């Protein structure tokens, strides 16, 4: 057998989404990991919003920090536009 791995990078769109298409498709739903690369200092998150044997879609968001009376707090999250998302997928159980 061989070890099936997908690795790729993509840039989020105006809604903070990016989709990766697996070719060839995985035989089962893969295990997926990601990392976000951006030049902003805001708190960020990146979640899987869709996953199948043929693709994965991530939604990235950021929470800008706001200072109120000298105290830094996070404001409501907004789409993280133009960030690079790095994704890796592999068949469950493979090392």
Protein backbone atom coordinates (compact mmCIF):
# COMPACT_ATOMS: atom_id res chain seq x y z
CA UNK A 1 0.00 0.00 0.00
CA UNK A 2 0.91 3.60 -0.18
CA UNK A 3 0.34 6.55 2.09
CA UNK A 4 -2.31 8.90 0.68
CA UNK A 5 -1.58 12.54 1.60
CA UNK A 6 -2.96 15.82 0.32
CA UNK A 7 -1.21 19.11 1.09
CA UNK A 8 -2.14 22.51 -0.29
CA UNK A 9 -2.47 26.21 0.35
CA UNK A 10 -5.20 28.64 -0.64
CA UNK A 11 -6.31 32.22 0.01
CA UNK A 12 -9.63 33.02 1.69
CA UNK A 13 -12.27 34.83 -0.37
CA UNK A 14 -14.42 37.84 0.56
CA UNK A 15 -16.47 35.65 2.91
CA UNK A 16 -13.41 34.17 4.61
CA UNK A 17 -13.85 30.78 2.91
CA UNK A 18 -11.43 28.57 1.01
CA UNK A 19 -12.06 25.13 -0.54
CA UNK A 20 -9.53 22.41 -1.36
CA UNK A 21 -10.40 19.65 -3.83
CA UNK A 22 -8.76 16.23 -3.42
CA UNK A 23 -7.68 14.53 -6.63
CA UNK A 24 -7.87 11.61 -6.58
CA UNK A 25 -10.57 11.39 -3.95
CA UNK A 26 -9.95 9.65 -0.63
CA UNK A 27 -11.50 6.18 -0.10
CA UNK A 28 -13.01 7.40 3.22
CA UNK A 29 -13.45 10.78 4.93
CA UNK A 30 -9.87 11.98 5.60
CA UNK A 31 -8.38 13.46 8.75
CA UNK A 32 -7.72 17.15 8.01
CA UNK A 33 -5.50 19.70 9.74
CA UNK A 34 -4.90 23.37 8.94
CA UNK A 35 -2.85 26.42 9.77
CA UNK A 36 -3.63 30.07 9.02
CA UNK A 37 -0.98 32.51 7.83
CA UNK A 38 -1.84 36.23 8.02
CA UNK A 39 -0.10 39.51 8.67
CA UNK A 40 -2.69 40.79 11.16
CA UNK A 41 -2.33 40.63 14.93
CA UNK A 42 -6.04 39.96 15.62
CA UNK A 43 -7.22 36.72 17.19
CA UNK A 44 -8.12 34.26 14.39
CA UNK A 45 -9.97 30.98 14.01
CA UNK A 46 -10.38 28.59 11.10
CA UNK A 47 -13.04 25.88 11.10
CA UNK A 48 -14.04 23.11 8.75
CA UNK A 49 -17.50 23.91 7.36
CA UNK A 50 -17.74 21.03 4.85
CA UNK A 51 -15.79 17.78 4.51
CA UNK A 52 -16.18 14.86 2.09
CA UNK A 53 -13.96 12.31 0.39
CA UNK A 54 -13.44 14.80 -2.46
CA UNK A 55 -13.01 18.21 -0.76
CA UNK A 56 -12.80 20.31 2.39
CA UNK A 57 -14.00 23.87 2.97
CA UNK A 58 -12.68 26.12 5.73
CA UNK A 59 -14.20 29.31 7.12
CA UNK A 60 -11.68 31.71 8.67
CA UNK A 61 -12.65 34.58 10.97
CA UNK A 62 -10.85 37.24 12.97
CA UNK A 63 -11.75 39.13 16.12
CA UNK A 64 -10.27 42.62 16.17
CA UNK A 65 -9.17 43.93 19.56
CA UNK A 66 -10.74 47.14 20.81
CA UNK A 67 -9.57 49.21 23.77
CA UNK A 68 -12.30 50.47 26.10
CA UNK A 69 -11.28 52.54 29.13
CA UNK A 70 -7.75 51.18 28.81
CA UNK A 71 -8.90 47.55 28.74
CA UNK A 72 -8.37 45.51 25.57
CA UNK A 73 -11.39 43.39 24.59
CA UNK A 74 -12.23 41.39 21.49
CA UNK A 75 -15.01 42.69 19.26
CA UNK A 76 -17.42 40.55 17.22
CA UNK A 77 -15.69 38.26 14.75
CA UNK A 78 -15.67 39.10 11.03
CA UNK A 79 -14.57 37.11 7.95
CA UNK A 80 -10.80 36.83 7.58
CA UNK A 81 -10.32 37.95 3.97
CA UNK A 82 -7.07 37.32 2.08
CA UNK A 83 -5.46 34.98 4.61
CA UNK A 84 -3.49 31.95 3.46
CA UNK A 85 -4.81 28.63 4.75
CA UNK A 86 -2.50 25.61 4.64
CA UNK A 87 -4.29 22.24 4.69
CA UNK A 88 -3.18 18.65 5.01
CA UNK A 89 -5.38 15.56 4.68
CA UNK A 90 -4.62 11.88 5.14
CA UNK A 91 -6.49 8.62 5.55
CA UNK A 92 -7.41 7.93 9.18
CA UNK A 93 -4.89 5.60 10.84
CA UNK A 94 -1.96 6.51 8.62
CA UNK A 95 1.12 7.92 10.31
